[in-house]
Amino acid sequence: MCAKRDALSVKWNEAFDTLETMKQDSPEYEESFAEWEKVDQEYRQTCDQIDYAELNERIRRQAKVRNDIS
């Protein structure tokens, strides 16, 4: 999943760089912006999934430590 996040980060940056070079009132800009929004949404969703998995793992480890102490 981290590899997916890293690949999406590259796509996100490339799409953002492309947007910065375009005129905002052009049809190409609208198309590129729509594509960037899709990448942005997928990137954020992937980051949230990774964060959730990491949080669950920390909770499991903490619960195990507490059970080992008791």
PDB file of N, CA and C in Angstrom:
ATOM      1  N   MET A   1       0.818  -1.187   0.000  1.00  0.00           N
ATOM      2  CA  MET A   1       0.000   0.000   0.000  1.00  0.00           C
ATOM      3  C   MET A   1       0.869   1.261   0.000  1.00  0.00           C
ATOM      4  N   CYS A   2       2.013   1.189   0.658  1.00  0.00           N
ATOM      5  CA  CYS A   2       2.912   2.352   0.664  1.00  0.00           C
ATOM      6  C   CYS A   2       3.454   2.625  -0.742  1.00  0.00           C
ATOM      7  N   ALA A   3       3.671   1.560  -1.505  1.00  0.00           N
ATOM      8  CA  ALA A   3       4.142   1.741  -2.883  1.00  0.00           C
ATOM      9  C   ALA A   3       3.070   2.449  -3.717  1.00  0.00           C
ATOM     10  N   LYS A   4       1.811   2.096  -3.464  1.00  0.00           N
ATOM     11  CA  LYS A   4       0.708   2.762  -4.168  1.00  0.00           C
ATOM     12  C   LYS A   4       0.677   4.240  -3.791  1.00  0.00           C
ATOM     13  N   ARG A   5       0.844   4.529  -2.503  1.00  0.00           N
ATOM     14  CA  ARG A   5       0.863   5.921  -2.048  1.00  0.00           C
ATOM     15  C   ARG A   5       1.991   6.686  -2.721  1.00  0.00           C
ATOM     16  N   ASP A   6       3.171   6.072  -2.787  1.00  0.00           N
ATOM     17  CA  ASP A   6       4.324   6.736  -3.390  1.00  0.00           C
ATOM     18  C   ASP A   6       4.100   7.002  -4.877  1.00  0.00           C
ATOM     19  N   ALA A   7       3.514   6.026  -5.571  1.00  0.00           N
ATOM     20  CA  ALA A   7       3.227   6.202  -7.001  1.00  0.00           C
ATOM     21  C   ALA A   7       2.189   7.307  -7.210  1.00  0.00           C
ATOM     22  N   LEU A   8       1.181   7.334  -6.348  1.00  0.00           N
ATOM     23  CA  LEU A   8       0.167   8.386  -6.455  1.00  0.00           C
ATOM     24  C   LEU A   8       0.752   9.756  -6.130  1.00  0.00           C
ATOM     25  N   SER A   9       1.688   9.800  -5.219  1.00  0.00           N
ATOM     26  CA  SER A   9       2.346  11.066  -4.884  1.00  0.00           C
ATOM     27  C   SER A   9       3.075  11.624  -6.098  1.00  0.00           C
ATOM     28  N   VAL A  10       3.733  10.748  -6.832  1.00  0.00           N
ATOM     29  CA  VAL A  10       4.435  11.174  -8.048  1.00  0.00           C
ATOM     30  C   VAL A  10       3.425  11.696  -9.070  1.00  0.00           C
ATOM     31  N   LYS A  11       2.338  10.944  -9.278  1.00  0.00           N
ATOM     32  CA  LYS A  11       1.301  11.382 -10.225  1.00  0.00           C
ATOM     33  C   LYS A  11       0.688  12.706  -9.789  1.00  0.00           C
ATOM     34  N   TRP A  12       0.455  12.852  -8.490  1.00  0.00           N
ATOM     35  CA  TRP A  12      -0.133  14.080  -7.949  1.00  0.00           C
ATOM     36  C   TRP A  12       0.764  15.265  -8.267  1.00  0.00           C
ATOM     37  N   ASN A  13       2.058  15.117  -7.987  1.00  0.00           N
ATOM     38  CA  ASN A  13       3.009  16.205  -8.230  1.00  0.00           C
ATOM     39  C   ASN A  13       3.129  16.538  -9.709  1.00  0.00           C
ATOM     40  N   GLU A  14       3.159  15.514 -10.554  1.00  0.00           N
ATOM     41  CA  GLU A  14       3.246  15.751 -11.995  1.00  0.00           C
ATOM     42  C   GLU A  14       2.008  16.494 -12.498  1.00  0.00           C
ATOM     43  N   ALA A  15       0.841  16.057 -12.043  1.00  0.00           N
ATOM     44  CA  ALA A  15      -0.401  16.706 -12.469  1.00  0.00           C
ATOM     45  C   ALA A  15      -0.458  18.145 -11.964  1.00  0.00           C
ATOM     46  N   PHE A  16      -0.015  18.357 -10.745  1.00  0.00           N
ATOM     47  CA  PHE A  16      -0.012  19.714 -10.186  1.00  0.00           C
ATOM     48  C   PHE A  16       0.949  20.612 -10.958  1.00  0.00           C
ATOM     49  N   ASP A  17       2.126  20.096 -11.270  1.00  0.00           N
ATOM     50  CA  ASP A  17       3.098  20.869 -12.049  1.00  0.00           C
ATOM     51  C   ASP A  17       2.535  21.233 -13.418  1.00  0.00           C
ATOM     52  N   THR A  18       1.814  20.304 -14.035  1.00  0.00           N
ATOM     53  CA  THR A  18       1.188  20.564 -15.327  1.00  0.00           C
ATOM     54  C   THR A  18       0.164  21.687 -15.204  1.00  0.00           C
ATOM     55  N   LEU A  19      -0.641  21.638 -14.160  1.00  0.00           N
ATOM     56  CA  LEU A  19      -1.647  22.685 -13.953  1.00  0.00           C
ATOM     57  C   LEU A  19      -1.012  24.058 -13.805  1.00  0.00           C
ATOM     58  N   GLU A  20       0.105  24.118 -13.131  1.00  0.00           N
ATOM     59  CA  GLU A  20       0.763  25.406 -12.909  1.00  0.00           C
ATOM     60  C   GLU A  20       1.239  26.054 -14.204  1.00  0.00           C
ATOM     61  N   THR A  21       1.465  25.257 -15.240  1.00  0.00           N
ATOM     62  CA  THR A  21       1.968  25.799 -16.503  1.00  0.00           C
ATOM     63  C   THR A  21       0.847  26.194 -17.462  1.00  0.00           C
ATOM     64  N   MET A  22      -0.401  25.917 -17.118  1.00  0.00           N
ATOM     65  CA  MET A  22      -1.523  26.166 -18.024  1.00  0.00           C
ATOM     66  C   MET A  22      -2.280  27.427 -17.649  1.00  0.00           C
ATOM     67  N   LYS A  23      -2.959  27.965 -18.647  1.00  0.00           N
ATOM     68  CA  LYS A  23      -3.880  29.073 -18.391  1.00  0.00           C
ATOM     69  C   LYS A  23      -5.140  28.496 -17.754  1.00  0.00           C
ATOM     70  N   GLN A  24      -5.615  29.149 -16.725  1.00  0.00           N
ATOM     71  CA  GLN A  24      -6.753  28.610 -15.978  1.00  0.00           C
ATOM     72  C   GLN A  24      -8.066  28.643 -16.741  1.00  0.00           C
ATOM     73  N   ASP A  25      -8.175  29.457 -17.748  1.00  0.00           N
ATOM     74  CA  ASP A  25      -9.438  29.539 -18.483  1.00  0.00           C
ATOM     75  C   ASP A  25      -9.460  28.676 -19.744  1.00  0.00           C
ATOM     76  N   SER A  26      -8.484  27.808 -19.902  1.00  0.00           N
ATOM     77  CA  SER A  26      -8.434  26.965 -21.097  1.00  0.00           C
ATOM     78  C   SER A  26      -9.167  25.642 -20.862  1.00  0.00           C
ATOM     79  N   PRO A  27      -9.704  25.053 -21.930  1.00  0.00           N
ATOM     80  CA  PRO A  27     -10.364  23.744 -21.801  1.00  0.00           C
ATOM     81  C   PRO A  27      -9.389  22.660 -21.321  1.00  0.00           C
ATOM     82  N   GLU A  28      -8.140  22.763 -21.744  1.00  0.00           N
ATOM     83  CA  GLU A  28      -7.137  21.790 -21.318  1.00  0.00           C
ATOM     84  C   GLU A  28      -6.931  21.850 -19.807  1.00  0.00           C
ATOM     85  N   TYR A  29      -7.007  23.055 -19.270  1.00  0.00           N
ATOM     86  CA  TYR A  29      -6.849  23.216 -17.820  1.00  0.00           C
ATOM     87  C   TYR A  29      -7.974  22.491 -17.090  1.00  0.00           C
ATOM     88  N   GLU A  30      -9.189  22.659 -17.574  1.00  0.00           N
ATOM     89  CA  GLU A  30     -10.343  22.011 -16.937  1.00  0.00           C
ATOM     90  C   GLU A  30     -10.187  20.494 -16.947  1.00  0.00           C
ATOM     91  N   GLU A  31      -9.742  19.951 -18.079  1.00  0.00           N
ATOM     92  CA  GLU A  31      -9.528  18.507 -18.177  1.00  0.00           C
ATOM     93  C   GLU A  31      -8.421  18.057 -17.230  1.00  0.00           C
ATOM     94  N   SER A  32      -7.330  18.792 -17.224  1.00  0.00           N
ATOM     95  CA  SER A  32      -6.204  18.444 -16.357  1.00  0.00           C
ATOM     96  C   SER A  32      -6.576  18.582 -14.886  1.00  0.00           C
ATOM     97  N   PHE A  33      -7.366  19.605 -14.571  1.00  0.00           N
ATOM     98  CA  PHE A  33      -7.793  19.800 -13.187  1.00  0.00           C
ATOM     99  C   PHE A  33      -8.687  18.648 -12.737  1.00  0.00           C
ATOM    100  N   ALA A  34      -9.576  18.213 -13.610  1.00  0.00           N
ATOM    101  CA  ALA A  34     -10.451  17.083 -13.283  1.00  0.00           C
ATOM    102  C   ALA A  34      -9.622  15.824 -13.036  1.00  0.00           C
ATOM    103  N   GLU A  35      -8.603  15.615 -13.848  1.00  0.00           N
ATOM    104  CA  GLU A  35      -7.724  14.453 -13.662  1.00  0.00           C
ATOM    105  C   GLU A  35      -6.955  14.574 -12.350  1.00  0.00           C
ATOM    106  N   TRP A  36      -6.458  15.768 -12.059  1.00  0.00           N
ATOM    107  CA  TRP A  36      -5.732  15.989 -10.808  1.00  0.00           C
ATOM    108  C   TRP A  36      -6.638  15.721  -9.605  1.00  0.00           C
ATOM    109  N   GLU A  37      -7.904  16.139  -9.690  1.00  0.00           N
ATOM    110  CA  GLU A  37      -8.845  15.897  -8.595  1.00  0.00           C
ATOM    111  C   GLU A  37      -9.030  14.406  -8.341  1.00  0.00           C
ATOM    112  N   LYS A  38      -9.089  13.611  -9.411  1.00  0.00           N
ATOM    113  CA  LYS A  38      -9.214  12.159  -9.257  1.00  0.00           C
ATOM    114  C   LYS A  38      -7.988  11.587  -8.556  1.00  0.00           C
ATOM    115  N   VAL A  39      -6.811  12.009  -8.999  1.00  0.00           N
ATOM    116  CA  VAL A  39      -5.567  11.538  -8.383  1.00  0.00           C
ATOM    117  C   VAL A  39      -5.513  11.984  -6.925  1.00  0.00           C
ATOM    118  N   ASP A  40      -5.903  13.227  -6.666  1.00  0.00           N
ATOM    119  CA  ASP A  40      -5.897  13.761  -5.304  1.00  0.00           C
ATOM    120  C   ASP A  40      -6.812  12.948  -4.395  1.00  0.00           C
ATOM    121  N   GLN A  41      -7.997  12.633  -4.876  1.00  0.00           N
ATOM    122  CA  GLN A  41      -8.947  11.856  -4.082  1.00  0.00           C
ATOM    123  C   GLN A  41      -8.389  10.461  -3.778  1.00  0.00           C
ATOM    124  N   GLU A  42      -7.833   9.804  -4.781  1.00  0.00           N
ATOM    125  CA  GLU A  42      -7.278   8.466  -4.574  1.00  0.00           C
ATOM    126  C   GLU A  42      -6.070   8.513  -3.641  1.00  0.00           C
ATOM    127  N   TYR A  43      -5.237   9.544  -3.799  1.00  0.00           N
ATOM    128  CA  TYR A  43      -4.066   9.707  -2.941  1.00  0.00           C
ATOM    129  C   TYR A  43      -4.490   9.894  -1.481  1.00  0.00           C
ATOM    130  N   ARG A  44      -5.450  10.774  -1.252  1.00  0.00           N
ATOM    131  CA  ARG A  44      -5.921  11.019   0.122  1.00  0.00           C
ATOM    132  C   ARG A  44      -6.557   9.774   0.720  1.00  0.00           C
ATOM    133  N   GLN A  45      -7.322   9.057  -0.075  1.00  0.00           N
ATOM    134  CA  GLN A  45      -7.968   7.836   0.392  1.00  0.00           C
ATOM    135  C   GLN A  45      -6.916   6.787   0.767  1.00  0.00           C
ATOM    136  N   THR A  46      -5.896   6.657  -0.052  1.00  0.00           N
ATOM    137  CA  THR A  46      -4.826   5.701   0.228  1.00  0.00           C
ATOM    138  C   THR A  46      -4.074   6.085   1.496  1.00  0.00           C
ATOM    139  N   CYS A  47      -3.783   7.368   1.657  1.00  0.00           N
ATOM    140  CA  CYS A  47      -3.100   7.835   2.875  1.00  0.00           C
ATOM    141  C   CYS A  47      -3.954   7.559   4.106  1.00  0.00           C
ATOM    142  N   ASP A  48      -5.264   7.777   3.995  1.00  0.00           N
ATOM    143  CA  ASP A  48      -6.160   7.499   5.117  1.00  0.00           C
ATOM    144  C   ASP A  48      -6.162   6.014   5.466  1.00  0.00           C
ATOM    145  N   GLN A  49      -6.150   5.155   4.460  1.00  0.00           N
ATOM    146  CA  GLN A  49      -6.120   3.714   4.705  1.00  0.00           C
ATOM    147  C   GLN A  49      -4.829   3.306   5.406  1.00  0.00           C
ATOM    148  N   ILE A  50      -3.724   3.881   4.978  1.00  0.00           N
ATOM    149  CA  ILE A  50      -2.435   3.586   5.611  1.00  0.00           C
ATOM    150  C   ILE A  50      -2.443   4.074   7.055  1.00  0.00           C
ATOM    151  N   ASP A  51      -2.909   5.291   7.273  1.00  0.00           N
ATOM    152  CA  ASP A  51      -2.986   5.833   8.633  1.00  0.00           C
ATOM    153  C   ASP A  51      -3.855   4.954   9.526  1.00  0.00           C
ATOM    154  N   TYR A  52      -4.985   4.502   9.014  1.00  0.00           N
ATOM    155  CA  TYR A  52      -5.898   3.653   9.774  1.00  0.00           C
ATOM    156  C   TYR A  52      -5.225   2.327  10.131  1.00  0.00           C
ATOM    157  N   ALA A  53      -4.553   1.730   9.169  1.00  0.00           N
ATOM    158  CA  ALA A  53      -3.866   0.460   9.422  1.00  0.00           C
ATOM    159  C   ALA A  53      -2.752   0.635  10.453  1.00  0.00           C
ATOM    160  N   GLU A  54      -1.998   1.723  10.348  1.00  0.00           N
ATOM    161  CA  GLU A  54      -0.922   1.978  11.311  1.00  0.00           C
ATOM    162  C   GLU A  54      -1.481   2.235  12.702  1.00  0.00           C
ATOM    163  N   LEU A  55      -2.585   2.958  12.797  1.00  0.00           N
ATOM    164  CA  LEU A  55      -3.212   3.214  14.087  1.00  0.00           C
ATOM    165  C   LEU A  55      -3.698   1.911  14.716  1.00  0.00           C
ATOM    166  N   ASN A  56      -4.342   1.067  13.926  1.00  0.00           N
ATOM    167  CA  ASN A  56      -4.802  -0.224  14.440  1.00  0.00           C
ATOM    168  C   ASN A  56      -3.640  -1.073  14.932  1.00  0.00           C
ATOM    169  N   GLU A  57      -2.538  -1.049  14.222  1.00  0.00           N
ATOM    170  CA  GLU A  57      -1.369  -1.823  14.636  1.00  0.00           C
ATOM    171  C   GLU A  57      -0.824  -1.297  15.964  1.00  0.00           C
ATOM    172  N   ARG A  58      -0.762   0.013  16.121  1.00  0.00           N
ATOM    173  CA  ARG A  58      -0.303   0.588  17.400  1.00  0.00           C
ATOM    174  C   ARG A  58      -1.238   0.209  18.541  1.00  0.00           C
ATOM    175  N   ILE A  59      -2.532   0.221  18.292  1.00  0.00           N
ATOM    176  CA  ILE A  59      -3.507  -0.168  19.317  1.00  0.00           C
ATOM    177  C   ILE A  59      -3.321  -1.633  19.686  1.00  0.00           C
ATOM    178  N   ARG A  60      -3.128  -2.495  18.702  1.00  0.00           N
ATOM    179  CA  ARG A  60      -2.907  -3.925  18.974  1.00  0.00           C
ATOM    180  C   ARG A  60      -1.648  -4.134  19.809  1.00  0.00           C
ATOM    181  N   ARG A  61      -0.566  -3.430  19.444  1.00  0.00           N
ATOM    182  CA  ARG A  61       0.685  -3.564  20.203  1.00  0.00           C
ATOM    183  C   ARG A  61       0.509  -3.073  21.635  1.00  0.00           C
ATOM    184  N   GLN A  62      -0.186  -1.963  21.803  1.00  0.00           N
ATOM    185  CA  GLN A  62      -0.412  -1.426  23.145  1.00  0.00           C
ATOM    186  C   GLN A  62      -1.259  -2.386  23.974  1.00  0.00           C
ATOM    187  N   ALA A  63      -2.283  -2.962  23.368  1.00  0.00           N
ATOM    188  CA  ALA A  63      -3.127  -3.928  24.077  1.00  0.00           C
ATOM    189  C   ALA A  63      -2.313  -5.152  24.470  1.00  0.00           C
ATOM    190  N   LYS A  64      -1.427  -5.590  23.597  1.00  0.00           N
ATOM    191  CA  LYS A  64      -0.577  -6.746  23.902  1.00  0.00           C
ATOM    192  C   LYS A  64       0.351  -6.420  25.062  1.00  0.00           C
ATOM    193  N   VAL A  65       0.934  -5.233  25.070  1.00  0.00           N
ATOM    194  CA  VAL A  65       1.819  -4.824  26.167  1.00  0.00           C
ATOM    195  C   VAL A  65       1.036  -4.800  27.474  1.00  0.00           C
ATOM    196  N   ARG A  66      -0.160  -4.256  27.448  1.00  0.00           N
ATOM    197  CA  ARG A  66      -0.976  -4.195  28.667  1.00  0.00           C
ATOM    198  C   ARG A  66      -1.344  -5.586  29.151  1.00  0.00           C
ATOM    199  N   ASN A  67      -1.648  -6.487  28.242  1.00  0.00           N
ATOM    200  CA  ASN A  67      -1.973  -7.862  28.633  1.00  0.00           C
ATOM    201  C   ASN A  67      -0.752  -8.576  29.182  1.00  0.00           C
ATOM    202  N   ASP A  68       0.420  -8.294  28.641  1.00  0.00           N
ATOM    203  CA  ASP A  68       1.650  -8.921  29.125  1.00  0.00           C
ATOM    204  C   ASP A  68       2.006  -8.432  30.523  1.00  0.00           C
ATOM    205  N   ILE A  69       1.668  -7.185  30.843  1.00  0.00           N
ATOM    206  CA  ILE A  69       1.990  -6.617  32.153  1.00  0.00           C
ATOM    207  C   ILE A  69       1.048  -7.177  33.217  1.00  0.00           C
ATOM    208  N   SER A  70      -0.203  -7.391  32.875  1.00  0.00           N
ATOM    209  CA  SER A  70      -1.207  -7.858  33.851  1.00  0.00           C
ATOM    210  C   SER A  70      -0.949  -9.240  34.356  1.00  0.00           C
TER     211      SER A  70
END
